[in-house]
C-alpha atoms as a PDB file:
ATOM      1  CA  MET A   1      -0.191   0.279   0.298  1.00  0.00           C
ATOM      2  CA  SER A   2       1.543   3.209  -0.712  1.00  0.00           C
ATOM      3  CA  GLY A   3       0.280   6.008   1.805  1.00  0.00           C
ATOM      4  CA  PRO A   4      -3.586   6.036   3.211  1.00  0.00           C
ATOM      5  CA  ARG A   5      -6.524   5.140   0.921  1.00  0.00           C
ATOM      6  CA  ILE A   6     -10.367   6.535   1.485  1.00  0.00           C
ATOM      7  CA  GLU A   7     -13.369   3.913   1.180  1.00  0.00           C
ATOM      8  CA  LEU A   8     -16.323   5.742   1.820  1.00  0.00           C
ATOM      9  CA  VAL A   9     -19.738   3.506   2.053  1.00  0.00           C
ATOM     10  CA  LYS A  10     -21.926   6.739  -0.498  1.00  0.00           C
ATOM     11  CA  TRP A  11     -19.564   9.114  -2.865  1.00  0.00           C
ATOM     12  CA  GLY A  12     -23.193   9.791  -3.689  1.00  0.00           C
ATOM     13  CA  LEU A  13     -24.986  11.787  -0.331  1.00  0.00           C
ATOM     14  CA  ALA A  14     -27.830  13.775   0.152  1.00  0.00           C
ATOM     15  CA  PRO A  15     -27.580  16.919   2.033  1.00  0.00           C
ATOM     16  CA  GLY A  16     -27.991  16.236   5.676  1.00  0.00           C
ATOM     17  CA  SER A  17     -27.053  12.194   5.377  1.00  0.00           C
ATOM     18  CA  MET A  18     -24.481  10.706   7.237  1.00  0.00           C
ATOM     19  CA  ILE A  19     -20.871   9.846   5.134  1.00  0.00           C
ATOM     20  CA  GLN A  20     -19.010   7.373   6.603  1.00  0.00           C
ATOM     21  CA  GLY A  21     -16.282   5.582   5.312  1.00  0.00           C
ATOM     22  CA  ARG A  22     -12.555   4.568   6.691  1.00  0.00           C
ATOM     23  CA  VAL A  23      -9.095   5.326   6.391  1.00  0.00           C
ATOM     24  CA  LEU A  24      -6.407   2.423   5.537  1.00  0.00           C
ATOM     25  CA  TRP A  25      -2.507   3.049   5.767  1.00  0.00           C
ATOM     26  CA  ASP A  26       0.588   0.934   6.127  1.00  0.00           C
ATOM     27  CA  ARG A  27       0.623   0.788   9.856  1.00  0.00           C
ATOM     28  CA  ARG A  28       4.783  -0.575   9.482  1.00  0.00           C
ATOM     29  CA  GLU A  29       4.817   3.316   7.247  1.00  0.00           C
ATOM     30  CA  LEU A  30       2.587   5.337   9.139  1.00  0.00           C
ATOM     31  CA  GLN A  31       1.743   5.028  12.967  1.00  0.00           C
ATOM     32  CA  PRO A  32      -0.129   8.078  13.801  1.00  0.00           C
ATOM     33  CA  GLU A  33      -1.776   9.673  16.523  1.00  0.00           C
ATOM     34  CA  MET A  34      -4.197  11.619  14.786  1.00  0.00           C
ATOM     35  CA  VAL A  35      -6.287  10.953  11.993  1.00  0.00           C
ATOM     36  CA  GLU A  36      -7.504  14.363  10.676  1.00  0.00           C
ATOM     37  CA  VAL A  37     -10.835  14.486   8.620  1.00  0.00           C
ATOM     38  CA  ARG A  38     -11.301  17.415   5.999  1.00  0.00           C
ATOM     39  CA  LEU A  39     -14.568  18.133   3.899  1.00  0.00           C
ATOM     40  CA  PHE A  40     -14.678  21.427   1.746  1.00  0.00           C
ATOM     41  CA  TRP A  41     -15.698  22.361  -1.852  1.00  0.00           C
ATOM     42  CA  HIS A  42     -14.399  24.689  -4.689  1.00  0.00           C
ATOM     43  CA  THR A  43     -15.118  25.661  -8.130  1.00  0.00           C
ATOM     44  CA  ALA A  44     -13.705  24.430 -11.635  1.00  0.00           C
ATOM     45  CA  GLY A  45     -13.688  25.770 -14.304  1.00  0.00           C
ATOM     46  CA  ALA A  46     -13.257  29.050 -16.421  1.00  0.00           C
ATOM     47  CA  GLY A  47     -14.449  31.548 -13.697  1.00  0.00           C
ATOM     48  CA  GLY A  48     -12.160  32.690 -10.800  1.00  0.00           C
ATOM     49  CA  LYS A  49     -11.335  29.968  -8.247  1.00  0.00           C
ATOM     50  CA  ASP A  50     -13.000  29.734  -5.298  1.00  0.00           C
ATOM     51  CA  GLN A  51     -12.951  27.467  -2.075  1.00  0.00           C
ATOM     52  CA  GLY A  52     -15.295  26.768   1.365  1.00  0.00           C
ATOM     53  CA  ALA A  53     -13.535  26.499   4.265  1.00  0.00           C
ATOM     54  CA  PRO A  54     -13.370  23.106   5.388  1.00  0.00           C
ATOM     55  CA  ILE A  55     -15.407  21.393   7.753  1.00  0.00           C
ATOM     56  CA  GLN A  56     -12.709  19.242  10.258  1.00  0.00           C
ATOM     57  CA  GLU A  57     -12.499  17.126  12.473  1.00  0.00           C
ATOM     58  CA  GLN A  58      -9.636  14.912  14.139  1.00  0.00           C
ATOM     59  CA  PHE A  59      -9.726  11.451  15.213  1.00  0.00           C
ATOM     60  CA  PRO A  60      -7.127  10.227  18.185  1.00  0.00           C
ATOM     61  CA  VAL A  61      -6.305   6.717  17.135  1.00  0.00           C
ATOM     62  CA  GLY A  62      -4.712   3.829  19.145  1.00  0.00           C
ATOM     63  CA  ALA A  63      -1.179   2.606  18.949  1.00  0.00           C
ATOM     64  CA  GLY A  64      -0.766  -0.655  15.954  1.00  0.00           C
ATOM     65  CA  LEU A  65      -4.081   0.860  14.552  1.00  0.00           C
ATOM     66  CA  GLY A  66      -3.975   0.748  10.319  1.00  0.00           C
ATOM     67  CA  GLU A  67      -7.604   1.614  10.024  1.00  0.00           C
ATOM     68  CA  PHE A  68      -9.473   4.311  11.204  1.00  0.00           C
ATOM     69  CA  ALA A  69     -13.451   4.233  10.762  1.00  0.00           C
ATOM     70  CA  PHE A  70     -15.291   7.705  10.756  1.00  0.00           C
ATOM     71  CA  SER A  71     -18.391   9.384   9.936  1.00  0.00           C
ATOM     72  CA  MET A  72     -19.471  13.587   9.892  1.00  0.00           C
ATOM     73  CA  ILE A  73     -23.091  14.950   8.637  1.00  0.00           C
ATOM     74  CA  ALA A  74     -23.148  16.380   4.985  1.00  0.00           C
ATOM     75  CA  PRO A  75     -23.635  19.553   4.824  1.00  0.00           C
ATOM     76  CA  ASN A  76     -26.215  21.531   3.070  1.00  0.00           C
ATOM     77  CA  GLY A  77     -25.081  23.019   0.628  1.00  0.00           C
ATOM     78  CA  PRO A  78     -23.481  24.270  -1.492  1.00  0.00           C
ATOM     79  CA  TYR A  79     -25.093  21.402  -4.005  1.00  0.00           C
ATOM     80  CA  SER A  80     -22.450  20.422  -6.550  1.00  0.00           C
ATOM     81  CA  PHE A  81     -22.826  21.714  -9.571  1.00  0.00           C
ATOM     82  CA  SER A  82     -22.006  21.067 -13.288  1.00  0.00           C
ATOM     83  CA  GLY A  83     -21.961  23.911 -15.223  1.00  0.00           C
ATOM     84  CA  LYS A  84     -20.664  25.236 -18.588  1.00  0.00           C
ATOM     85  CA  LEU A  85     -18.902  27.442 -16.841  1.00  0.00           C
ATOM     86  CA  LEU A  86     -18.737  26.288 -13.368  1.00  0.00           C
ATOM     87  CA  SER A  87     -18.826  23.708 -11.289  1.00  0.00           C
ATOM     88  CA  ILE A  88     -18.813  22.880  -7.629  1.00  0.00           C
ATOM     89  CA  VAL A  89     -17.533  20.003  -6.401  1.00  0.00           C
ATOM     90  CA  TRP A  90     -16.766  18.587  -2.780  1.00  0.00           C
ATOM     91  CA  THR A  91     -14.132  16.817  -1.866  1.00  0.00           C
ATOM     92  CA  ILE A  92     -13.083  14.652   1.389  1.00  0.00           C
ATOM     93  CA  GLU A  93      -9.265  14.461   2.241  1.00  0.00           C
ATOM     94  CA  VAL A  94      -7.423  12.747   4.599  1.00  0.00           C
ATOM     95  CA  VAL A  95      -4.365  13.788   7.169  1.00  0.00           C
ATOM     96  CA  VAL A  96      -2.536  10.718   8.009  1.00  0.00           C
ATOM     97  CA  ALA A  97       0.314  11.659   9.994  1.00  0.00           C
ATOM     98  CA  THR A  98       2.614  12.946   6.839  1.00  0.00           C
ATOM     99  CA  GLN A  99       0.464  12.233   4.171  1.00  0.00           C
ATOM    100  CA  SER A 100      -2.825  12.899   2.915  1.00  0.00           C
ATOM    101  CA  VAL A 101      -5.426  11.637   0.708  1.00  0.00           C
ATOM    102  CA  ARG A 102      -8.396  13.147  -1.105  1.00  0.00           C
ATOM    103  CA  GLU A 103     -11.227  11.990  -2.699  1.00  0.00           C
ATOM    104  CA  MET A 104     -14.107  13.910  -4.411  1.00  0.00           C
ATOM    105  CA  LEU A 105     -17.660  12.902  -4.036  1.00  0.00           C
ATOM    106  CA  VAL A 106     -21.147  14.249  -4.548  1.00  0.00           C
ATOM    107  CA  ILE A 107     -23.487  16.259  -2.502  1.00  0.00           C
ATOM    108  CA  GLY A 108     -26.847  17.211  -3.439  1.00  0.00           C
ATOM    109  CA  PRO A 109     -30.664  16.193  -4.231  1.00  0.00           C
ATOM    110  CA  GLY A 110     -30.868  12.834  -3.788  1.00  0.00           C
ATOM    111  CA  GLY A 111     -27.347  12.248  -3.690  1.00  0.00           C
ATOM    112  CA  ARG A 112     -26.675  13.401  -7.452  1.00  0.00           C
ATOM    113  CA  GLU A 113     -24.957  16.585  -9.180  1.00  0.00           C
ATOM    114  CA  VAL A 114     -26.984  19.397 -10.313  1.00  0.00           C
ATOM    115  CA  VAL A 115     -26.449  19.195 -13.935  1.00  0.00           C
ATOM    116  CA  VAL A 116     -27.067  23.236 -16.243  1.00  0.00           C
ATOM    117  CA  GLY A 117     -26.357  23.815 -19.237  1.00  0.00           C
ATOM    118  CA  HIS A 118     -25.467  20.817 -21.166  1.00  0.00           C
ATOM    119  CA  GLU A 119     -26.729  20.032 -24.295  1.00  0.00           C
ATOM    120  CA  ALA A 120     -28.404  16.428 -24.381  1.00  0.00           C
ATOM    121  CA  SER A 121     -25.911  14.373 -26.611  1.00  0.00           C
END
């Protein structure tokens, strides 16, 4: 295993629902005392770049463990969004000792991204 890895129960979540997952790492390489989980959104596309303040939680980790389960509440917004010029992307980042890993997830109505302005193919 090279660095930590995130496993989420669901990658598409409705606002207010529980984000559940676990982070795994090679305990021979990393021996953290704490695991930090950050959830934040950022914009992507032709417009300027913006990022929301992260929701951060720190969890103590028992010695010798190579995995940790976590949960946090998905915020009410902004929704994951994809438009012609701008997208809003949610990311979960986990920091284990000196290494981190990021994964994208969707927070929106019915656990789906809001898509606007794209032509049907």
